[in-house]
Amino acid sequence: FYYKIKRGGYINHSNNKNPHSVTMKLLILICLINCVFSSEEMFPRILIIGSGPSGIATASKLLQNGFRNLTILEAENRIGGRVHSIKIGKIFYLKKYKFIIVFLISF
């Protein structure tokens, strides 16, 4: 779209002879922009399903970008999703690497 200002002060769209239709479109656009950036919309309630790696990463990214009203739902009694780990000392090891755990326990 190309808009130009005529001598009369109207903004007109190329072949459109009705200056009010373009003005109305601009007003609607301004209202939509204001709605998107209103303070209420900056703090929406966000629900994240699952506390696996994706859920935790999503929550972290949203927090970094200023969103504060987050809720994470998890079906299990622990976080991590399908990533299971065991703690040996101060280090967590993934259960799928059982040969490493058996090796570490043998020491």
PDB file of N, CA and C in Angstrom:
ATOM      1  N   PHE A   1       0.832  -1.182   0.000  1.00  0.00           N
ATOM      2  CA  PHE A   1       0.000   0.000   0.000  1.00  0.00           C
ATOM      3  C   PHE A   1       0.871   1.238   0.000  1.00  0.00           C
ATOM      4  N   TYR A   2       0.397   2.250  -0.696  1.00  0.00           N
ATOM      5  CA  TYR A   2       1.135   3.503  -0.748  1.00  0.00           C
ATOM      6  C   TYR A   2       0.205   4.613  -0.299  1.00  0.00           C
ATOM      7  N   TYR A   3       0.594   5.351   0.711  1.00  0.00           N
ATOM      8  CA  TYR A   3      -0.205   6.454   1.218  1.00  0.00           C
ATOM      9  C   TYR A   3       0.514   7.761   0.927  1.00  0.00           C
ATOM     10  N   LYS A   4      -0.233   8.780   0.525  1.00  0.00           N
ATOM     11  CA  LYS A   4       0.372  10.096   0.343  1.00  0.00           C
ATOM     12  C   LYS A   4      -0.554  11.142   0.951  1.00  0.00           C
ATOM     13  N   ILE A   5       0.021  12.227   1.405  1.00  0.00           N
ATOM     14  CA  ILE A   5      -0.774  13.299   2.006  1.00  0.00           C
ATOM     15  C   ILE A   5      -1.060  14.342   0.935  1.00  0.00           C
ATOM     16  N   LYS A   6      -2.340  14.629   0.730  1.00  0.00           N
ATOM     17  CA  LYS A   6      -2.733  15.648  -0.242  1.00  0.00           C
ATOM     18  C   LYS A   6      -2.740  17.016   0.426  1.00  0.00           C
ATOM     19  N   ARG A   7      -2.922  18.051  -0.356  1.00  0.00           N
ATOM     20  CA  ARG A   7      -2.917  19.419   0.166  1.00  0.00           C
ATOM     21  C   ARG A   7      -3.993  19.645   1.212  1.00  0.00           C
ATOM     22  N   GLY A   8      -5.098  18.985   1.084  1.00  0.00           N
ATOM     23  CA  GLY A   8      -6.191  19.168   2.034  1.00  0.00           C
ATOM     24  C   GLY A   8      -5.927  18.517   3.386  1.00  0.00           C
ATOM     25  N   GLY A   9      -4.834  17.781   3.524  1.00  0.00           N
ATOM     26  CA  GLY A   9      -4.496  17.145   4.789  1.00  0.00           C
ATOM     27  C   GLY A   9      -5.040  15.737   4.922  1.00  0.00           C
ATOM     28  N   TYR A  10      -5.703  15.225   3.885  1.00  0.00           N
ATOM     29  CA  TYR A  10      -6.242  13.872   3.942  1.00  0.00           C
ATOM     30  C   TYR A  10      -5.170  12.860   3.567  1.00  0.00           C
ATOM     31  N   ILE A  11      -5.232  11.709   4.198  1.00  0.00           N
ATOM     32  CA  ILE A  11      -4.379  10.598   3.779  1.00  0.00           C
ATOM     33  C   ILE A  11      -5.222   9.755   2.850  1.00  0.00           C
ATOM     34  N   ASN A  12      -4.718   9.495   1.668  1.00  0.00           N
ATOM     35  CA  ASN A  12      -5.511   8.799   0.670  1.00  0.00           C
ATOM     36  C   ASN A  12      -4.753   7.587   0.155  1.00  0.00           C
ATOM     37  N   HIS A  13      -5.452   6.510  -0.082  1.00  0.00           N
ATOM     38  CA  HIS A  13      -4.858   5.293  -0.634  1.00  0.00           C
ATOM     39  C   HIS A  13      -5.043   5.324  -2.141  1.00  0.00           C
ATOM     40  N   SER A  14      -3.960   5.367  -2.885  1.00  0.00           N
ATOM     41  CA  SER A  14      -3.879   5.429  -4.350  1.00  0.00           C
ATOM     42  C   SER A  14      -5.168   5.865  -5.056  1.00  0.00           C
ATOM     43  N   ASN A  15      -6.092   4.935  -5.387  1.00  0.00           N
ATOM     44  CA  ASN A  15      -7.280   5.277  -6.172  1.00  0.00           C
ATOM     45  C   ASN A  15      -8.513   5.561  -5.324  1.00  0.00           C
ATOM     46  N   ASN A  16      -8.433   5.380  -4.029  1.00  0.00           N
ATOM     47  CA  ASN A  16      -9.594   5.565  -3.157  1.00  0.00           C
ATOM     48  C   ASN A  16      -9.882   7.053  -2.986  1.00  0.00           C
ATOM     49  N   LYS A  17     -11.088   7.490  -3.310  1.00  0.00           N
ATOM     50  CA  LYS A  17     -11.454   8.910  -3.231  1.00  0.00           C
ATOM     51  C   LYS A  17     -12.096   9.270  -1.895  1.00  0.00           C
ATOM     52  N   ASN A  18     -12.338   8.293  -1.038  1.00  0.00           N
ATOM     53  CA  ASN A  18     -12.973   8.555   0.247  1.00  0.00           C
ATOM     54  C   ASN A  18     -11.899   8.611   1.334  1.00  0.00           C
ATOM     55  N   PRO A  19     -11.534   9.821   1.796  1.00  0.00           N
ATOM     56  CA  PRO A  19     -10.461   9.926   2.791  1.00  0.00           C
ATOM     57  C   PRO A  19     -10.847   9.339   4.144  1.00  0.00           C
ATOM     58  N   HIS A  20     -12.138   9.261   4.436  1.00  0.00           N
ATOM     59  CA  HIS A  20     -12.579   8.771   5.737  1.00  0.00           C
ATOM     60  C   HIS A  20     -12.352   7.266   5.898  1.00  0.00           C
ATOM     61  N   SER A  21     -12.427   6.501   4.813  1.00  0.00           N
ATOM     62  CA  SER A  21     -12.218   5.056   4.933  1.00  0.00           C
ATOM     63  C   SER A  21     -10.770   4.748   5.325  1.00  0.00           C
ATOM     64  N   VAL A  22      -9.825   5.483   4.773  1.00  0.00           N
ATOM     65  CA  VAL A  22      -8.421   5.268   5.128  1.00  0.00           C
ATOM     66  C   VAL A  22      -8.171   5.722   6.559  1.00  0.00           C
ATOM     67  N   THR A  23      -8.755   6.856   6.937  1.00  0.00           N
ATOM     68  CA  THR A  23      -8.604   7.351   8.303  1.00  0.00           C
ATOM     69  C   THR A  23      -9.176   6.344   9.293  1.00  0.00           C
ATOM     70  N   MET A  24     -10.318   5.765   8.966  1.00  0.00           N
ATOM     71  CA  MET A  24     -10.932   4.773   9.838  1.00  0.00           C
ATOM     72  C   MET A  24     -10.038   3.537   9.956  1.00  0.00           C
ATOM     73  N   LYS A  25      -9.445   3.114   8.843  1.00  0.00           N
ATOM     74  CA  LYS A  25      -8.540   1.960   8.880  1.00  0.00           C
ATOM     75  C   LYS A  25      -7.336   2.249   9.763  1.00  0.00           C
ATOM     76  N   LEU A  26      -6.802   3.456   9.675  1.00  0.00           N
ATOM     77  CA  LEU A  26      -5.663   3.823  10.517  1.00  0.00           C
ATOM     78  C   LEU A  26      -6.054   3.861  11.990  1.00  0.00           C
ATOM     79  N   LEU A  27      -7.240   4.376  12.294  1.00  0.00           N
ATOM     80  CA  LEU A  27      -7.705   4.405  13.684  1.00  0.00           C
ATOM     81  C   LEU A  27      -7.880   2.994  14.241  1.00  0.00           C
ATOM     82  N   ILE A  28      -8.427   2.110  13.429  1.00  0.00           N
ATOM     83  CA  ILE A  28      -8.599   0.720  13.858  1.00  0.00           C
ATOM     84  C   ILE A  28      -7.236   0.079  14.107  1.00  0.00           C
ATOM     85  N   LEU A  29      -6.273   0.343  13.223  1.00  0.00           N
ATOM     86  CA  LEU A  29      -4.926  -0.197  13.392  1.00  0.00           C
ATOM     87  C   LEU A  29      -4.291   0.312  14.680  1.00  0.00           C
ATOM     88  N   ILE A  30      -4.443   1.597  14.967  1.00  0.00           N
ATOM     89  CA  ILE A  30      -3.891   2.170  16.199  1.00  0.00           C
ATOM     90  C   ILE A  30      -4.548   1.536  17.421  1.00  0.00           C
ATOM     91  N   CYS A  31      -5.861   1.328  17.370  1.00  0.00           N
ATOM     92  CA  CYS A  31      -6.566   0.688  18.494  1.00  0.00           C
ATOM     93  C   CYS A  31      -6.071  -0.741  18.708  1.00  0.00           C
ATOM     94  N   LEU A  32      -5.863  -1.475  17.627  1.00  0.00           N
ATOM     95  CA  LEU A  32      -5.365  -2.847  17.746  1.00  0.00           C
ATOM     96  C   LEU A  32      -3.965  -2.874  18.343  1.00  0.00           C
ATOM     97  N   ILE A  33      -3.117  -1.948  17.920  1.00  0.00           N
ATOM     98  CA  ILE A  33      -1.760  -1.885  18.471  1.00  0.00           C
ATOM     99  C   ILE A  33      -1.818  -1.560  19.954  1.00  0.00           C
ATOM    100  N   ASN A  34      -2.683  -0.620  20.348  1.00  0.00           N
ATOM    101  CA  ASN A  34      -2.817  -0.276  21.765  1.00  0.00           C
ATOM    102  C   ASN A  34      -3.327  -1.454  22.582  1.00  0.00           C
ATOM    103  N   CYS A  35      -4.238  -2.240  22.015  1.00  0.00           N
ATOM    104  CA  CYS A  35      -4.756  -3.412  22.732  1.00  0.00           C
ATOM    105  C   CYS A  35      -3.654  -4.442  22.958  1.00  0.00           C
ATOM    106  N   VAL A  36      -2.813  -4.640  21.965  1.00  0.00           N
ATOM    107  CA  VAL A  36      -1.747  -5.631  22.078  1.00  0.00           C
ATOM    108  C   VAL A  36      -0.740  -5.232  23.140  1.00  0.00           C
ATOM    109  N   PHE A  37      -0.444  -3.941  23.243  1.00  0.00           N
ATOM    110  CA  PHE A  37       0.578  -3.486  24.174  1.00  0.00           C
ATOM    111  C   PHE A  37       0.017  -2.900  25.462  1.00  0.00           C
ATOM    112  N   SER A  38      -1.230  -3.193  25.789  1.00  0.00           N
ATOM    113  CA  SER A  38      -1.783  -2.684  27.043  1.00  0.00           C
ATOM    114  C   SER A  38      -1.166  -3.433  28.218  1.00  0.00           C
ATOM    115  N   SER A  39      -1.192  -2.827  29.382  1.00  0.00           N
ATOM    116  CA  SER A  39      -0.530  -3.416  30.551  1.00  0.00           C
ATOM    117  C   SER A  39      -1.163  -4.743  30.966  1.00  0.00           C
ATOM    118  N   GLU A  40      -2.454  -4.898  30.766  1.00  0.00           N
ATOM    119  CA  GLU A  40      -3.111  -6.149  31.143  1.00  0.00           C
ATOM    120  C   GLU A  40      -2.619  -7.305  30.280  1.00  0.00           C
ATOM    121  N   GLU A  41      -2.346  -7.025  29.013  1.00  0.00           N
ATOM    122  CA  GLU A  41      -1.915  -8.085  28.116  1.00  0.00           C
ATOM    123  C   GLU A  41      -0.455  -8.468  28.337  1.00  0.00           C
ATOM    124  N   MET A  42       0.318  -7.618  29.001  1.00  0.00           N
ATOM    125  CA  MET A  42       1.716  -7.939  29.244  1.00  0.00           C
ATOM    126  C   MET A  42       1.870  -8.969  30.363  1.00  0.00           C
ATOM    127  N   PHE A  43       0.821  -9.204  31.146  1.00  0.00           N
ATOM    128  CA  PHE A  43       0.892 -10.165  32.238  1.00  0.00           C
ATOM    129  C   PHE A  43      -0.207 -11.214  32.108  1.00  0.00           C
ATOM    130  N   PRO A  44      -0.218 -11.968  30.995  1.00  0.00           N
ATOM    131  CA  PRO A  44      -1.255 -12.987  30.847  1.00  0.00           C
ATOM    132  C   PRO A  44      -0.977 -14.171  31.765  1.00  0.00           C
ATOM    133  N   ARG A  45      -2.013 -14.933  32.057  1.00  0.00           N
ATOM    134  CA  ARG A  45      -1.851 -16.165  32.831  1.00  0.00           C
ATOM    135  C   ARG A  45      -1.431 -17.252  31.849  1.00  0.00           C
ATOM    136  N   ILE A  46      -0.293 -17.880  32.110  1.00  0.00           N
ATOM    137  CA  ILE A  46       0.261 -18.877  31.193  1.00  0.00           C
ATOM    138  C   ILE A  46       0.316 -20.225  31.904  1.00  0.00           C
ATOM    139  N   LEU A  47      -0.198 -21.255  31.236  1.00  0.00           N
ATOM    140  CA  LEU A  47      -0.197 -22.612  31.776  1.00  0.00           C
ATOM    141  C   LEU A  47       0.727 -23.469  30.919  1.00  0.00           C
ATOM    142  N   ILE A  48       1.714 -24.090  31.561  1.00  0.00           N
ATOM    143  CA  ILE A  48       2.650 -24.976  30.873  1.00  0.00           C
ATOM    144  C   ILE A  48       2.354 -26.393  31.347  1.00  0.00           C
ATOM    145  N   ILE A  49       2.095 -27.290  30.391  1.00  0.00           N
ATOM    146  CA  ILE A  49       1.770 -28.675  30.715  1.00  0.00           C
ATOM    147  C   ILE A  49       3.057 -29.493  30.679  1.00  0.00           C
ATOM    148  N   GLY A  50       3.451 -30.026  31.827  1.00  0.00           N
ATOM    149  CA  GLY A  50       4.624 -30.888  31.911  1.00  0.00           C
ATOM    150  C   GLY A  50       5.872 -30.153  32.362  1.00  0.00           C
ATOM    151  N   SER A  51       6.607 -30.806  33.270  1.00  0.00           N
ATOM    152  CA  SER A  51       7.839 -30.200  33.774  1.00  0.00           C
ATOM    153  C   SER A  51       9.062 -30.957  33.283  1.00  0.00           C
ATOM    154  N   GLY A  52       8.965 -31.456  32.055  1.00  0.00           N
ATOM    155  CA  GLY A  52      10.125 -32.077  31.431  1.00  0.00           C
ATOM    156  C   GLY A  52      11.065 -31.003  30.913  1.00  0.00           C
ATOM    157  N   PRO A  53      12.069 -31.405  30.160  1.00  0.00           N
ATOM    158  CA  PRO A  53      13.023 -30.426  29.641  1.00  0.00           C
ATOM    159  C   PRO A  53      12.367 -29.304  28.837  1.00  0.00           C
ATOM    160  N   SER A  54      11.371 -29.636  28.022  1.00  0.00           N
ATOM    161  CA  SER A  54      10.702 -28.605  27.218  1.00  0.00           C
ATOM    162  C   SER A  54       9.896 -27.649  28.079  1.00  0.00           C
ATOM    163  N   GLY A  55       9.175 -28.175  29.062  1.00  0.00           N
ATOM    164  CA  GLY A  55       8.379 -27.324  29.946  1.00  0.00           C
ATOM    165  C   GLY A  55       9.237 -26.383  30.767  1.00  0.00           C
ATOM    166  N   ILE A  56      10.341 -26.909  31.304  1.00  0.00           N
ATOM    167  CA  ILE A  56      11.246 -26.084  32.101  1.00  0.00           C
ATOM    168  C   ILE A  56      11.916 -25.032  31.224  1.00  0.00           C
ATOM    169  N   ALA A  57      12.339 -25.419  30.012  1.00  0.00           N
ATOM    170  CA  ALA A  57      12.974 -24.463  29.096  1.00  0.00           C
ATOM    171  C   ALA A  57      11.995 -23.370  28.684  1.00  0.00           C
ATOM    172  N   THR A  58      10.731 -23.748  28.449  1.00  0.00           N
ATOM    173  CA  THR A  58       9.709 -22.768  28.093  1.00  0.00           C
ATOM    174  C   THR A  58       9.490 -21.784  29.229  1.00  0.00           C
ATOM    175  N   ALA A  59       9.352 -22.281  30.438  1.00  0.00           N
ATOM    176  CA  ALA A  59       9.157 -21.402  31.597  1.00  0.00           C
ATOM    177  C   ALA A  59      10.343 -20.466  31.780  1.00  0.00           C
ATOM    178  N   SER A  60      11.541 -20.995  31.617  1.00  0.00           N
ATOM    179  CA  SER A  60      12.747 -20.181  31.763  1.00  0.00           C
ATOM    180  C   SER A  60      12.783 -19.058  30.738  1.00  0.00           C
ATOM    181  N   LYS A  61      12.461 -19.375  29.485  1.00  0.00           N
ATOM    182  CA  LYS A  61      12.482 -18.369  28.416  1.00  0.00           C
ATOM    183  C   LYS A  61      11.411 -17.308  28.651  1.00  0.00           C
ATOM    184  N   LEU A  62      10.231 -17.726  29.093  1.00  0.00           N
ATOM    185  CA  LEU A  62       9.165 -16.761  29.382  1.00  0.00           C
ATOM    186  C   LEU A  62       9.561 -15.841  30.530  1.00  0.00           C
ATOM    187  N   LEU A  63      10.179 -16.385  31.570  1.00  0.00           N
ATOM    188  CA  LEU A  63      10.632 -15.558  32.693  1.00  0.00           C
ATOM    189  C   LEU A  63      11.700 -14.566  32.244  1.00  0.00           C
ATOM    190  N   GLN A  64      12.608 -15.002  31.374  1.00  0.00           N
ATOM    191  CA  GLN A  64      13.642 -14.108  30.851  1.00  0.00           C
ATOM    192  C   GLN A  64      13.043 -12.960  30.055  1.00  0.00           C
ATOM    193  N   ASN A  65      11.886 -13.204  29.433  1.00  0.00           N
ATOM    194  CA  ASN A  65      11.244 -12.182  28.612  1.00  0.00           C
ATOM    195  C   ASN A  65      10.199 -11.372  29.371  1.00  0.00           C
ATOM    196  N   GLY A  66      10.175 -11.489  30.692  1.00  0.00           N
ATOM    197  CA  GLY A  66       9.338 -10.607  31.496  1.00  0.00           C
ATOM    198  C   GLY A  66       7.981 -11.136  31.901  1.00  0.00           C
ATOM    199  N   PHE A  67       7.626 -12.341  31.506  1.00  0.00           N
ATOM    200  CA  PHE A  67       6.344 -12.903  31.910  1.00  0.00           C
ATOM    201  C   PHE A  67       6.478 -13.473  33.316  1.00  0.00           C
ATOM    202  N   ARG A  68       5.496 -13.204  34.169  1.00  0.00           N
ATOM    203  CA  ARG A  68       5.617 -13.604  35.571  1.00  0.00           C
ATOM    204  C   ARG A  68       4.502 -14.532  36.050  1.00  0.00           C
ATOM    205  N   ASN A  69       3.374 -14.545  35.410  1.00  0.00           N
ATOM    206  CA  ASN A  69       2.219 -15.308  35.886  1.00  0.00           C
ATOM    207  C   ASN A  69       2.206 -16.697  35.230  1.00  0.00           C
ATOM    208  N   LEU A  70       3.159 -17.554  35.632  1.00  0.00           N
ATOM    209  CA  LEU A  70       3.303 -18.885  35.038  1.00  0.00           C
ATOM    210  C   LEU A  70       2.848 -19.968  36.009  1.00  0.00           C
ATOM    211  N   THR A  71       2.242 -21.016  35.467  1.00  0.00           N
ATOM    212  CA  THR A  71       1.894 -22.204  36.245  1.00  0.00           C
ATOM    213  C   THR A  71       2.346 -23.416  35.446  1.00  0.00           C
ATOM    214  N   ILE A  72       3.076 -24.319  36.105  1.00  0.00           N
ATOM    215  CA  ILE A  72       3.519 -25.550  35.452  1.00  0.00           C
ATOM    216  C   ILE A  72       2.763 -26.712  36.090  1.00  0.00           C
ATOM    217  N   LEU A  73       2.077 -27.507  35.265  1.00  0.00           N
ATOM    218  CA  LEU A  73       1.362 -28.695  35.752  1.00  0.00           C
ATOM    219  C   LEU A  73       2.188 -29.939  35.448  1.00  0.00           C
ATOM    220  N   GLU A  74       2.322 -30.807  36.439  1.00  0.00           N
ATOM    221  CA  GLU A  74       3.065 -32.055  36.269  1.00  0.00           C
ATOM    222  C   GLU A  74       2.253 -33.189  36.862  1.00  0.00           C
ATOM    223  N   ALA A  75       2.142 -34.304  36.136  1.00  0.00           N
ATOM    224  CA  ALA A  75       1.362 -35.453  36.590  1.00  0.00           C
ATOM    225  C   ALA A  75       2.115 -36.289  37.620  1.00  0.00           C
ATOM    226  N   GLU A  76       3.430 -36.292  37.550  1.00  0.00           N
ATOM    227  CA  GLU A  76       4.239 -37.102  38.462  1.00  0.00           C
ATOM    228  C   GLU A  76       4.584 -36.316  39.721  1.00  0.00           C
ATOM    229  N   ASN A  77       5.222 -37.006  40.672  1.00  0.00           N
ATOM    230  CA  ASN A  77       5.617 -36.333  41.910  1.00  0.00           C
ATOM    231  C   ASN A  77       7.040 -35.774  41.829  1.00  0.00           C
ATOM    232  N   ARG A  78       7.575 -35.662  40.624  1.00  0.00           N
ATOM    233  CA  ARG A  78       8.915 -35.111  40.433  1.00  0.00           C
ATOM    234  C   ARG A  78       8.957 -34.366  39.101  1.00  0.00           C
ATOM    235  N   ILE A  79       9.957 -33.512  38.949  1.00  0.00           N
ATOM    236  CA  ILE A  79      10.122 -32.830  37.670  1.00  0.00           C
ATOM    237  C   ILE A  79      11.096 -33.615  36.808  1.00  0.00           C
ATOM    238  N   GLY A  80      11.146 -33.309  35.533  1.00  0.00           N
ATOM    239  CA  GLY A  80      12.104 -33.962  34.641  1.00  0.00           C
ATOM    240  C   GLY A  80      11.470 -34.736  33.505  1.00  0.00           C
ATOM    241  N   GLY A  81      10.163 -34.960  33.567  1.00  0.00           N
ATOM    242  CA  GLY A  81       9.502 -35.692  32.490  1.00  0.00           C
ATOM    243  C   GLY A  81      10.011 -37.112  32.384  1.00  0.00           C
ATOM    244  N   ARG A  82      10.437 -37.496  31.189  1.00  0.00           N
ATOM    245  CA  ARG A  82      10.927 -38.861  30.965  1.00  0.00           C
ATOM    246  C   ARG A  82      12.421 -39.001  31.240  1.00  0.00           C
ATOM    247  N   VAL A  83      13.042 -37.926  31.676  1.00  0.00           N
ATOM    248  CA  VAL A  83      14.466 -37.979  31.998  1.00  0.00           C
ATOM    249  C   VAL A  83      14.594 -38.379  33.459  1.00  0.00           C
ATOM    250  N   HIS A  84      15.001 -39.618  33.696  1.00  0.00           N
ATOM    251  CA  HIS A  84      15.159 -40.120  35.060  1.00  0.00           C
ATOM    252  C   HIS A  84      16.637 -40.096  35.421  1.00  0.00           C
ATOM    253  N   SER A  85      16.927 -39.700  36.635  1.00  0.00           N
ATOM    254  CA  SER A  85      18.322 -39.663  37.071  1.00  0.00           C
ATOM    255  C   SER A  85      18.426 -40.136  38.514  1.00  0.00           C
ATOM    256  N   ILE A  86      19.638 -40.530  38.900  1.00  0.00           N
ATOM    257  CA  ILE A  86      19.899 -40.937  40.276  1.00  0.00           C
ATOM    258  C   ILE A  86      21.028 -40.063  40.802  1.00  0.00           C
ATOM    259  N   LYS A  87      20.959 -39.756  42.082  1.00  0.00           N
ATOM    260  CA  LYS A  87      21.991 -38.935  42.696  1.00  0.00           C
ATOM    261  C   LYS A  87      22.982 -39.842  43.417  1.00  0.00           C
ATOM    262  N   ILE A  88      24.248 -39.724  43.052  1.00  0.00           N
ATOM    263  CA  ILE A  88      25.322 -40.436  43.744  1.00  0.00           C
ATOM    264  C   ILE A  88      26.280 -39.360  44.240  1.00  0.00           C
ATOM    265  N   GLY A  89      26.305 -39.182  45.532  1.00  0.00           N
ATOM    266  CA  GLY A  89      27.097 -38.077  46.084  1.00  0.00           C
ATOM    267  C   GLY A  89      26.435 -36.757  45.726  1.00  0.00           C
ATOM    268  N   LYS A  90      27.190 -35.886  45.087  1.00  0.00           N
ATOM    269  CA  LYS A  90      26.638 -34.593  44.672  1.00  0.00           C
ATOM    270  C   LYS A  90      26.336 -34.552  43.180  1.00  0.00           C
ATOM    271  N   ILE A  91      26.469 -35.693  42.501  1.00  0.00           N
ATOM    272  CA  ILE A  91      26.311 -35.732  41.048  1.00  0.00           C
ATOM    273  C   ILE A  91      25.077 -36.552  40.682  1.00  0.00           C
ATOM    274  N   PHE A  92      24.308 -36.056  39.695  1.00  0.00           N
ATOM    275  CA  PHE A  92      23.153 -36.773  39.176  1.00  0.00           C
ATOM    276  C   PHE A  92      23.554 -37.505  37.899  1.00  0.00           C
ATOM    277  N   TYR A  93      23.146 -38.774  37.790  1.00  0.00           N
ATOM    278  CA  TYR A  93      23.436 -39.575  36.606  1.00  0.00           C
ATOM    279  C   TYR A  93      22.122 -40.051  36.008  1.00  0.00           C
ATOM    280  N   LEU A  94      22.064 -40.119  34.679  1.00  0.00           N
ATOM    281  CA  LEU A  94      20.865 -40.615  34.013  1.00  0.00           C
ATOM    282  C   LEU A  94      20.769 -42.126  34.176  1.00  0.00           C
ATOM    283  N   LYS A  95      19.559 -42.624  34.435  1.00  0.00           N
ATOM    284  CA  LYS A  95      19.353 -44.060  34.645  1.00  0.00           C
ATOM    285  C   LYS A  95      19.661 -44.879  33.395  1.00  0.00           C
ATOM    286  N   LYS A  96      19.529 -44.276  32.222  1.00  0.00           N
ATOM    287  CA  LYS A  96      19.752 -45.070  31.016  1.00  0.00           C
ATOM    288  C   LYS A  96      21.218 -45.459  30.844  1.00  0.00           C
ATOM    289  N   TYR A  97      22.107 -44.802  31.591  1.00  0.00           N
ATOM    290  CA  TYR A  97      23.520 -45.160  31.537  1.00  0.00           C
ATOM    291  C   TYR A  97      23.865 -46.028  32.741  1.00  0.00           C
ATOM    292  N   LYS A  98      23.182 -47.162  32.865  1.00  0.00           N
ATOM    293  CA  LYS A  98      23.346 -48.042  34.028  1.00  0.00           C
ATOM    294  C   LYS A  98      24.772 -48.566  34.158  1.00  0.00           C
ATOM    295  N   PHE A  99      25.441 -48.775  33.030  1.00  0.00           N
ATOM    296  CA  PHE A  99      26.808 -49.304  33.097  1.00  0.00           C
ATOM    297  C   PHE A  99      27.736 -48.320  33.799  1.00  0.00           C
ATOM    298  N   ILE A 100      27.497 -47.024  33.655  1.00  0.00           N
ATOM    299  CA  ILE A 100      28.311 -46.023  34.350  1.00  0.00           C
ATOM    300  C   ILE A 100      28.017 -46.075  35.846  1.00  0.00           C
ATOM    301  N   ILE A 101      26.744 -46.211  36.192  1.00  0.00           N
ATOM    302  CA  ILE A 101      26.353 -46.240  37.602  1.00  0.00           C
ATOM    303  C   ILE A 101      26.939 -47.475  38.282  1.00  0.00           C
ATOM    304  N   VAL A 102      26.847 -48.632  37.620  1.00  0.00           N
ATOM    305  CA  VAL A 102      27.420 -49.860  38.181  1.00  0.00           C
ATOM    306  C   VAL A 102      28.927 -49.687  38.361  1.00  0.00           C
ATOM    307  N   PHE A 103      29.571 -49.081  37.387  1.00  0.00           N
ATOM    308  CA  PHE A 103      31.007 -48.842  37.467  1.00  0.00           C
ATOM    309  C   PHE A 103      31.347 -47.911  38.631  1.00  0.00           C
ATOM    310  N   LEU A 104      30.569 -46.848  38.817  1.00  0.00           N
ATOM    311  CA  LEU A 104      30.839 -45.889  39.891  1.00  0.00           C
ATOM    312  C   LEU A 104      30.597 -46.502  41.268  1.00  0.00           C
ATOM    313  N   ILE A 105      29.545 -47.319  41.377  1.00  0.00           N
ATOM    314  CA  ILE A 105      29.234 -47.934  42.667  1.00  0.00           C
ATOM    315  C   ILE A 105      30.325 -48.935  43.062  1.00  0.00           C
ATOM    316  N   SER A 106      30.972 -49.540  42.072  1.00  0.00           N
ATOM    317  CA  SER A 106      32.006 -50.537  42.371  1.00  0.00           C
ATOM    318  C   SER A 106      33.237 -49.924  43.034  1.00  0.00           C
ATOM    319  N   PHE A 107      33.407 -48.624  42.965  1.00  0.00           N
ATOM    320  CA  PHE A 107      34.572 -47.989  43.611  1.00  0.00           C
ATOM    321  C   PHE A 107      34.328 -47.752  45.046  1.00  0.00           C
TER     322      PHE A 107
END
